[in-house]
Protein backbone atom coordinates (compact mmCIF):
# COMPACT_ATOMS: atom_id res chain seq x y z
CA MET A 1 83.47 109.25 155.07
CA ALA A 2 83.90 106.37 152.65
CA LEU A 3 86.18 103.53 153.61
CA ARG A 4 87.70 101.27 150.98
CA ARG A 5 88.94 97.72 151.35
CA ILE A 6 92.70 97.50 151.83
CA PHE A 7 94.12 94.81 149.55
CA LYS A 8 96.45 92.39 151.29
CA GLU A 9 99.77 90.87 150.31
CA GLY A 10 99.24 88.10 147.78
CA GLU A 11 96.59 90.01 145.80
CA GLU A 12 97.87 90.73 142.29
CA VAL A 13 96.92 94.43 142.24
CA LEU A 14 99.75 95.10 144.71
CA ARG A 15 102.33 93.80 142.22
CA ARG A 16 101.24 95.88 139.25
CA GLN A 17 102.78 99.07 137.85
CA CYS A 18 100.46 102.05 138.30
CA ARG A 19 99.51 104.40 135.47
CA PRO A 20 100.02 108.16 135.74
CA VAL A 21 97.00 110.25 136.66
CA ALA A 22 95.87 112.33 133.68
CA LYS A 23 92.48 113.61 134.84
CA PHE A 24 92.32 115.83 137.91
CA ASP A 25 88.57 115.55 138.35
CA ALA A 26 85.88 114.71 140.91
CA ARG A 27 86.66 110.98 140.66
CA LEU A 28 90.28 111.62 141.66
CA HIS A 29 89.17 113.88 144.50
CA GLN A 30 86.80 111.17 145.78
CA LEU A 31 89.60 108.57 145.57
CA LEU A 32 91.94 110.82 147.57
CA ASP A 33 89.26 111.55 150.19
CA ASP A 34 88.44 107.84 150.50
CA MET A 35 92.14 106.93 150.74
CA ALA A 36 92.68 109.44 153.56
CA ASP A 37 89.61 108.17 155.44
CA THR A 38 90.75 104.57 154.97
CA MET A 39 94.32 105.33 156.10
CA TYR A 40 93.15 107.13 159.24
CA GLU A 41 90.62 104.41 160.10
CA ALA A 42 93.37 101.76 159.76
CA ASP A 43 95.76 103.85 161.91
CA GLY A 44 98.34 104.12 159.11
CA VAL A 45 100.68 106.92 158.11
CA GLY A 46 100.45 106.33 154.35
CA LEU A 47 98.34 104.62 151.72
CA ALA A 48 98.88 104.17 147.98
CA ALA A 49 96.12 103.79 145.39
CA PRO A 50 96.92 100.14 144.53
CA GLN A 51 96.30 99.26 148.18
CA VAL A 52 92.64 100.14 147.57
CA GLY A 53 92.57 98.46 144.16
CA MET A 54 93.25 101.47 141.93
CA LEU A 55 96.23 101.31 139.57
CA ARG A 56 96.88 105.05 139.59
CA ARG A 57 99.97 106.96 140.73
CA ALA A 58 98.37 108.52 143.80
CA MET A 59 99.19 108.28 147.49
CA VAL A 60 98.37 109.99 150.77
CA ILE A 61 100.67 110.46 153.76
CA ASP A 62 100.25 111.92 157.23
CA VAL A 63 103.13 111.39 159.65
CA GLY A 64 101.54 113.70 162.22
CA GLU A 65 102.12 116.98 160.42
CA GLY A 66 98.94 117.02 158.32
CA LEU A 67 97.74 115.18 155.25
CA VAL A 68 99.76 115.43 152.04
CA GLU A 69 98.30 114.13 148.78
CA PHE A 70 100.80 113.07 146.12
CA ILE A 71 99.74 112.63 142.49
CA ASN A 72 102.31 111.29 140.01
CA PRO A 73 105.11 111.47 142.61
CA GLU A 74 108.72 111.14 141.52
CA ILE A 75 111.65 110.99 143.89
CA THR A 76 114.18 113.30 142.26
CA GLN A 77 116.93 113.19 144.88
CA LYS A 78 118.01 110.70 147.55
CA SER A 79 120.64 111.33 150.18
CA GLU A 80 123.66 109.07 150.27
CA GLU A 81 123.07 108.78 154.00
CA THR A 82 120.66 105.95 154.83
CA VAL A 83 118.73 104.81 157.89
CA CYS A 84 117.72 101.25 158.74
CA ASP A 85 114.51 101.19 160.77
CA GLN A 86 111.39 99.17 161.48
CA GLU A 87 108.73 99.30 158.79
CA GLY A 88 105.27 97.82 158.40
CA CYS A 89 102.42 98.05 155.91
CA LEU A 90 98.62 98.11 156.00
CA SER A 91 98.69 95.42 153.29
CA SER A 92 100.77 93.12 155.54
CA PRO A 93 99.07 93.59 158.93
CA GLY A 94 101.07 92.57 161.98
CA GLU A 95 104.31 92.08 160.05
CA TYR A 96 107.34 94.31 160.44
CA GLY A 97 110.85 94.28 159.03
CA MET A 98 114.05 96.25 159.11
CA VAL A 99 114.35 98.33 155.94
CA THR A 100 117.12 100.68 154.82
CA ARG A 101 115.91 103.88 153.15
CA PRO A 102 117.50 107.23 152.29
CA ALA A 103 117.64 109.60 155.26
CA ARG A 104 116.38 112.45 153.03
CA VAL A 105 114.54 112.67 149.73
CA VAL A 106 113.20 115.32 147.38
CA CYS A 107 109.89 114.42 145.76
CA ALA A 108 108.21 116.21 142.84
CA TYR A 109 104.45 115.67 142.58
CA GLN A 110 101.14 117.23 141.68
CA ASP A 111 98.26 118.08 143.98
CA ARG A 112 94.62 117.07 143.44
CA PHE A 113 94.17 119.97 141.00
CA GLY A 114 97.29 119.18 138.93
CA ALA A 115 99.48 121.97 140.30
CA PRO A 116 103.16 120.98 140.56
CA HIS A 117 104.92 120.84 143.93
CA GLU A 118 108.21 119.69 145.36
CA THR A 119 108.92 118.69 148.94
CA GLU A 120 112.07 117.89 150.84
CA ALA A 121 111.54 115.22 153.45
CA GLU A 122 113.57 113.49 156.12
CA GLY A 123 112.97 110.95 158.85
CA LEU A 124 109.61 109.18 158.90
CA PHE A 125 108.21 111.43 156.16
CA ALA A 126 111.05 110.45 153.77
CA ARG A 127 110.57 106.77 154.69
CA ALA A 128 106.82 107.01 154.02
CA ILE A 129 107.35 108.67 150.63
CA CYS A 130 109.77 105.90 149.60
CA HIS A 131 107.44 103.16 150.92
CA GLU A 132 104.36 104.49 149.13
CA CYS A 133 106.28 105.19 145.89
CA ASP A 134 107.39 101.54 145.98
CA HIS A 135 103.71 100.53 146.05
CA LEU A 136 103.13 102.50 142.85
CA ASP A 137 105.78 100.35 141.16
CA GLY A 138 104.44 97.04 142.50
CA ARG A 139 107.00 96.61 145.29
CA LEU A 140 106.34 95.80 148.94
CA PHE A 141 108.59 96.62 151.89
CA LYS A 142 109.16 92.91 152.43
CA ASP A 143 110.90 92.76 149.03
CA ILE A 144 113.73 94.92 150.36
CA ALA A 145 113.63 94.19 154.10
CA GLU A 146 116.98 93.10 155.46
CA ARG A 147 115.09 90.86 157.83
CA MET A 148 111.61 90.45 159.23
CA LEU A 149 111.10 90.95 162.95
CA THR A 150 110.01 88.00 165.08
CA PRO A 151 106.95 88.13 167.36
CA GLU A 152 109.35 88.12 170.33
CA GLU A 153 111.17 91.19 168.99
CA LEU A 154 107.89 92.98 168.45
CA GLU A 155 106.79 92.32 172.04
CA GLY A 156 110.08 93.62 173.46
């Protein structure tokens, strides 16, 4: 188990565009393993490579249905129906905002060995895919939040 430091809002790496992954090798596998360990240790549901300082298009998500590793993800379809819900981020600890995302998405991606996959997601899984894909393009949830929640709202 190797934990990596989670970069926080304000650090430049979080605002950079990530490069596609071209090599599906032991270094990528170690990065994915470390990202999963780091995400679980931090009690998150998703983590993108720039959050651990790597400018690669890789992310891991587990919304309670098992770990999914996404390499070079691309959202190919978004539903017209949207959902506004509370969202937070491991790079902005303790802060939450109301963010509107598609209710359903289709995401094409590769696994750790380079094999192509496609997944249809809805609910929290769709939200997590959108959130982590934003990280790969240098965007944070606070950039699109309709409003941030106050400490009083979070307590209630």
